Amino acid sequence: MAFRIFTDTGANITDKVREHYDIVSVPLTLIMEGEELHFTSSEGFDYDEYYEKIKEGMKVTTSQVNPSQFTEAFEPVLEAGEDVLYIGLSGGVTGSINSAKIAAADLMEEFPERTIRIIDSLGASLGEGILVVEAAECRQKGMSLEETADQIDFQKYCMYQVFVVDDLKHLKRTGRISGALASLGTMMDIKPILKGDTEGKIVVECKARGRKQAIKALAEKYRDLVVDPEKQIVGISYGGKREDAVHLANLISKIAEPKKIWMVAHEPVTGAHVGPGMLALYFKGADDVRAF
């Protein structure tokens, strides 16, 4: 049975990748300088200017996808006789996944002969996007919706997501971390190394002194936890400071070269929460790696 794959723009995959794999992206909303922007494309957005403006004090707010947006996206597909697989941004940082579940429940009453699977990726950026692409590759191999969904539901626990930010105030302001945790970043240039836990929430993994050591710590996590790097896509996202992303890519390549490295500017909606200077690494480890 044919099925369509949906994600949201939090997945941070490029337009070229999305089009190649026939993936539909539901837009997240960014409110910047009073203007509401439904972020639908990675093309034509000035990431350097965006992160520089945030650094200078520009106020940015974001909005989750609401149930009606998901209904509008899913309904034509169901009417056409296809099923739906949606892989979304972590429920640990946004309520969008719950909106998708609400829309799916209503639509299943209207289309009882169709199937909708909603998967919380437990991730953001390429921690979500790599799973979406894996789902598309499963579909290309002829796997069913249920087989594909079950595969991704398992693989999401293997996806390790670790990152550092220049300033924890952005995560504190938007309620993604506590005030107590945010205070760590003001102590003697201590850089908390953050990760997504088993529930997709942001927690402290370890600490480093200064940005140089923090980048080294990301690479060391890769060295200690990566599994079969030659078979996987490894992701790096950055909020400005592309040179640090290149440096990290070189470090992990020297440790164990992966099949591919995808390096992207971190999409602006979740980027508003992590702020300028963020640097993140996404790779597959053991099936309980998120607990490490």
Protein backbone atom coordinates (compact mmCIF):
# COMPACT_ATOMS: atom_id res chain seq x y z
CA MET A 1 0.00 0.00 0.00
CA ALA A 2 1.37 3.42 -0.99
CA PHE A 3 2.20 5.91 1.73
CA ARG A 4 3.50 9.46 1.92
CA ILE A 5 6.20 10.62 4.30
CA PHE A 6 5.71 13.90 6.15
CA THR A 7 8.01 15.78 8.46
CA ASP A 8 8.33 19.41 9.59
CA THR A 9 10.92 22.05 8.83
CA GLY A 10 12.65 21.25 12.12
CA ALA A 11 14.17 18.26 10.28
CA ASN A 12 16.62 20.69 8.61
CA ILE A 13 16.90 18.68 5.38
CA THR A 14 17.65 20.65 2.24
CA ASP A 15 15.12 21.26 -0.50
CA LYS A 16 17.19 19.06 -2.80
CA VAL A 17 17.08 16.11 -0.39
CA ARG A 18 13.38 16.61 0.31
CA GLU A 19 12.52 16.67 -3.37
CA HIS A 20 14.75 13.70 -4.20
CA TYR A 21 13.05 11.52 -1.60
CA ASP A 22 9.52 12.91 -2.12
CA ILE A 23 9.17 14.09 1.47
CA VAL A 24 6.47 16.60 2.43
CA SER A 25 7.45 19.21 5.01
CA VAL A 26 4.90 20.95 7.26
CA PRO A 27 6.15 24.46 8.11
CA LEU A 28 6.99 25.68 11.58
CA THR A 29 6.35 29.34 12.32
CA LEU A 30 8.91 32.02 13.11
CA ILE A 31 7.96 35.52 14.29
CA MET A 32 10.88 37.83 13.62
CA GLU A 33 10.80 41.61 14.05
CA GLY A 34 7.00 41.44 14.17
CA GLU A 35 6.74 39.53 10.90
CA GLU A 36 5.29 36.02 10.87
CA LEU A 37 7.19 33.65 8.62
CA HIS A 38 6.06 30.12 7.81
CA PHE A 39 9.44 28.59 7.26
CA THR A 40 8.99 26.26 4.30
CA SER A 41 12.34 26.24 2.52
CA SER A 42 16.05 26.17 3.27
CA GLU A 43 16.73 28.27 0.19
CA GLY A 44 17.11 32.03 0.19
CA PHE A 45 17.35 32.48 3.96
CA ASP A 46 20.31 34.47 5.26
CA TYR A 47 21.40 32.35 8.24
CA ASP A 48 24.49 34.41 9.04
CA GLU A 49 22.45 37.61 9.24
CA TYR A 50 19.75 35.87 11.27
CA TYR A 51 22.08 34.58 13.95
CA GLU A 52 24.02 37.84 14.05
CA LYS A 53 20.76 39.76 14.65
CA ILE A 54 19.83 37.44 17.51
CA LYS A 55 23.29 38.02 18.98
CA GLU A 56 22.63 41.76 18.76
CA GLY A 57 19.37 41.35 20.68
CA MET A 58 16.67 40.78 18.09
CA LYS A 59 13.63 39.15 19.71
CA VAL A 60 12.40 36.03 17.97
CA THR A 61 9.45 33.86 18.94
CA THR A 62 8.23 30.59 17.45
CA SER A 63 4.97 28.71 17.14
CA GLN A 64 4.25 24.99 16.97
CA VAL A 65 2.24 23.45 14.18
CA ASN A 66 -1.47 23.34 15.11
CA PRO A 67 -3.86 20.40 14.43
CA SER A 68 -5.62 22.16 11.56
CA GLN A 69 -2.34 22.56 9.68
CA PHE A 70 -1.72 18.83 9.94
CA THR A 71 -5.29 18.09 8.87
CA GLU A 72 -4.84 20.33 5.83
CA ALA A 73 -1.60 18.52 4.94
CA PHE A 74 -2.75 14.93 5.53
CA GLU A 75 -6.32 15.02 4.24
CA PRO A 76 -5.66 15.23 0.47
CA VAL A 77 -3.28 12.28 0.72
CA LEU A 78 -5.85 10.16 2.54
CA GLU A 79 -8.53 11.16 0.03
CA ALA A 80 -6.22 9.97 -2.75
CA GLY A 81 -6.06 6.53 -1.16
CA GLU A 82 -2.59 6.77 0.38
CA ASP A 83 -1.51 6.28 3.98
CA VAL A 84 0.56 8.73 6.05
CA LEU A 85 3.79 8.47 8.02
CA TYR A 86 4.72 11.61 9.95
CA ILE A 87 8.10 11.88 11.69
CA GLY A 88 8.22 15.03 13.78
CA LEU A 89 10.25 17.31 15.98
CA SER A 90 10.85 16.06 19.52
CA GLY A 91 7.90 16.28 21.88
CA GLY A 92 10.48 17.13 24.54
CA VAL A 93 10.89 20.61 23.03
CA THR A 94 7.60 21.32 21.22
CA GLY A 95 3.93 20.43 21.27
CA SER A 96 3.73 19.93 17.49
CA ILE A 97 3.79 16.14 17.80
CA ASN A 98 0.67 16.27 19.98
CA SER A 99 -1.04 18.43 17.37
CA ALA A 100 -0.24 15.77 14.78
CA LYS A 101 -1.75 13.08 17.00
CA ILE A 102 -4.93 15.11 17.48
CA ALA A 103 -5.28 15.62 13.72
CA ALA A 104 -4.58 11.93 13.07
CA ALA A 105 -7.23 10.78 15.54
CA ASP A 106 -9.86 12.97 13.89
CA LEU A 107 -8.86 11.93 10.38
CA MET A 108 -8.89 8.23 11.22
CA GLU A 109 -12.56 8.58 12.12
CA GLU A 110 -13.19 10.14 8.72
CA PHE A 111 -10.95 7.67 6.84
CA PRO A 112 -11.14 4.41 8.85
CA GLU A 113 -9.73 2.39 5.93
CA ARG A 114 -6.50 4.43 5.92
CA THR A 115 -3.48 4.29 8.27
CA ILE A 116 -1.66 7.21 9.89
CA ARG A 117 1.50 6.63 11.93
CA ILE A 118 2.88 9.49 14.02
CA ILE A 119 6.46 9.14 15.26
CA ASP A 120 8.14 11.45 17.75
CA SER A 121 11.74 11.52 16.50
CA LEU A 122 12.99 12.61 19.97
CA GLY A 123 15.24 14.93 18.00
CA ALA A 124 15.69 18.18 16.15
CA SER A 125 17.58 19.30 13.06
CA LEU A 126 19.45 16.39 11.46
CA GLY A 127 18.72 14.21 14.48
CA GLU A 128 15.22 14.25 13.05
CA GLY A 129 16.13 14.70 9.39
CA ILE A 130 18.41 11.66 9.08
CA LEU A 131 15.58 9.47 10.39
CA VAL A 132 13.20 10.98 7.84
CA VAL A 133 15.60 10.16 5.02
CA GLU A 134 16.05 6.64 6.40
CA ALA A 135 12.27 6.22 6.25
CA ALA A 136 12.27 7.32 2.61
CA GLU A 137 14.99 4.80 1.82
CA CYS A 138 12.94 2.07 3.51
CA ARG A 139 10.03 3.03 1.26
CA GLN A 140 12.30 2.88 -1.80
CA LYS A 141 13.24 -0.69 -0.84
CA GLY A 142 9.57 -1.66 -0.92
CA MET A 143 9.00 -1.80 2.83
CA SER A 144 5.44 -1.23 4.00
CA LEU A 145 4.28 1.69 6.12
CA GLU A 146 4.19 -0.47 9.24
CA GLU A 147 7.64 -1.95 8.57
CA THR A 148 9.09 1.49 7.93
CA ALA A 149 7.45 3.07 10.98
CA ASP A 150 8.63 0.24 13.24
CA GLN A 151 12.17 0.60 11.90
CA ILE A 152 12.25 4.34 12.59
CA ASP A 153 10.60 3.88 15.98
CA PHE A 154 13.55 1.67 16.92
CA GLN A 155 16.28 3.72 15.24
CA LYS A 156 15.31 6.93 17.02
CA TYR A 157 16.69 5.50 20.24
CA CYS A 158 20.01 4.87 18.47
CA MET A 159 20.34 8.49 17.34
CA TYR A 160 22.74 10.38 19.60
CA GLN A 161 22.42 14.16 19.56
CA VAL A 162 24.97 16.26 21.38
CA PHE A 163 25.59 19.98 21.14
CA VAL A 164 27.11 23.08 22.67
CA VAL A 165 25.82 26.65 22.71
CA ASP A 166 27.59 29.96 23.21
CA ASP A 167 24.97 31.27 25.64
CA LEU A 168 22.36 29.29 27.57
CA LYS A 169 20.11 32.34 27.97
CA HIS A 170 18.19 31.51 24.78
CA LEU A 171 17.27 28.04 26.03
CA LYS A 172 16.36 29.52 29.43
CA ARG A 173 14.22 32.30 27.88
CA THR A 174 12.14 29.82 25.90
CA GLY A 175 11.76 27.37 28.77
CA ARG A 176 13.85 24.55 27.26
CA ILE A 177 16.15 24.40 30.31
CA SER A 178 15.94 25.50 33.93
CA GLY A 179 17.42 28.67 35.36
CA ALA A 180 19.77 26.58 37.50
CA LEU A 181 21.20 24.91 34.43
CA ALA A 182 21.50 28.21 32.59
CA SER A 183 23.65 29.61 35.40
CA LEU A 184 26.36 27.05 34.60
CA GLY A 185 27.27 28.91 31.45
CA THR A 186 28.24 32.04 33.35
CA MET A 187 30.81 30.27 35.53
CA MET A 188 34.41 30.70 34.38
CA ASP A 189 33.66 30.05 30.69
CA ILE A 190 32.23 26.63 31.46
CA LYS A 191 30.47 25.21 28.40
CA PRO A 192 27.86 22.58 29.28
CA ILE A 193 27.70 19.85 26.66
CA LEU A 194 24.01 19.17 26.10
CA LYS A 195 22.20 16.20 24.62
CA GLY A 196 18.75 14.82 23.88
CA ASP A 197 17.77 12.21 26.46
CA THR A 198 15.53 9.14 26.13
CA GLU A 199 12.44 11.42 26.19
CA GLY A 200 13.86 13.95 23.74
CA LYS A 201 14.43 16.55 26.45
CA ILE A 202 17.60 18.64 26.73
CA VAL A 203 19.93 17.58 29.55
CA VAL A 204 23.58 18.17 30.50
CA GLU A 205 25.92 15.43 29.31
CA CYS A 206 29.22 16.86 30.57
CA LYS A 207 31.10 20.16 30.83
CA ALA A 208 34.11 21.69 29.10
CA ARG A 209 36.16 24.82 29.69
CA GLY A 210 35.97 27.07 26.66
CA ARG A 211 34.70 26.52 23.15
CA LYS A 212 37.78 24.74 21.83
CA GLN A 213 37.51 22.04 24.47
CA ALA A 214 33.74 21.85 23.97
CA ILE A 215 34.19 21.03 20.27
CA LYS A 216 36.77 18.42 21.21
CA ALA A 217 34.26 16.94 23.67
CA LEU A 218 31.69 16.53 20.87
CA ALA A 219 34.24 14.61 18.82
CA GLU A 220 35.14 12.45 21.81
CA LYS A 221 31.49 11.47 22.19
CA TYR A 222 31.58 10.32 18.59
CA ARG A 223 34.75 8.33 19.21
CA ASP A 224 33.27 6.65 22.29
CA LEU A 225 29.73 5.95 21.08
CA VAL A 226 29.50 5.71 17.28
CA VAL A 227 28.55 2.33 15.79
CA ASP A 228 29.35 1.33 12.19
CA PRO A 229 30.21 4.86 11.02
CA GLU A 230 31.03 3.67 7.51
CA LYS A 231 27.36 2.71 7.05
CA GLN A 232 25.74 5.93 8.21
CA ILE A 233 25.14 9.59 7.55
CA VAL A 234 26.52 11.80 10.31
CA GLY A 235 25.01 15.25 10.73
CA ILE A 236 26.46 18.56 11.89
CA SER A 237 24.42 21.74 12.31
CA TYR A 238 25.67 25.17 13.26
CA GLY A 239 24.27 28.60 14.11
CA GLY A 240 26.93 30.78 12.52
CA LYS A 241 30.65 29.96 12.92
CA ARG A 242 30.72 27.52 10.03
CA GLU A 243 34.46 27.16 10.54
CA ASP A 244 33.78 25.34 13.80
CA ALA A 245 31.50 22.91 11.98
CA VAL A 246 34.25 22.24 9.43
CA HIS A 247 36.72 21.68 12.26
CA LEU A 248 34.36 19.21 13.94
CA ALA A 249 33.84 17.38 10.63
CA ASN A 250 37.61 17.03 10.28
CA LEU A 251 37.93 15.69 13.82
CA ILE A 252 35.30 13.00 13.39
CA SER A 253 36.66 12.01 9.97
CA LYS A 254 40.06 11.38 11.55
CA ILE A 255 38.44 9.27 14.28
CA ALA A 256 36.27 7.13 11.98
CA GLU A 257 35.14 8.36 8.58
CA PRO A 258 31.37 7.99 8.10
CA LYS A 259 29.63 7.15 4.83
CA LYS A 260 28.59 10.80 4.52
CA ILE A 261 28.72 13.98 6.57
CA TRP A 262 25.83 16.38 6.17
CA MET A 263 26.69 19.87 7.38
CA VAL A 264 23.88 22.43 7.49
CA ALA A 265 23.11 25.83 8.96
CA HIS A 266 20.78 25.10 11.86
CA GLU A 267 17.22 25.90 10.80
CA PRO A 268 15.94 29.16 12.28
CA VAL A 269 12.91 27.99 14.28
CA THR A 270 14.66 25.69 16.75
CA GLY A 271 17.68 27.90 16.15
CA ALA A 272 15.87 30.69 17.99
CA HIS A 273 16.03 28.52 21.12
CA VAL A 274 19.67 27.40 20.93
CA GLY A 275 20.95 30.76 19.69
CA PRO A 276 23.99 31.94 17.72
CA GLY A 277 27.13 29.88 18.04
CA MET A 278 25.38 26.56 18.61
CA LEU A 279 27.15 23.52 17.21
CA ALA A 280 25.58 20.06 17.15
CA LEU A 281 26.57 16.54 16.15
CA TYR A 282 24.16 13.73 15.23
CA PHE A 283 25.13 10.09 14.77
CA LYS A 284 23.95 6.52 15.43
CA GLY A 285 25.18 4.55 18.40
CA ALA A 286 23.93 1.47 20.28
CA ASP A 287 20.19 1.03 20.81
CA ASP A 288 20.45 2.48 24.34
CA VAL A 289 22.91 5.25 23.47
CA ARG A 290 20.57 8.04 24.59
CA ALA A 291 20.89 6.80 28.15
CA PHE A 292 24.70 7.14 28.10
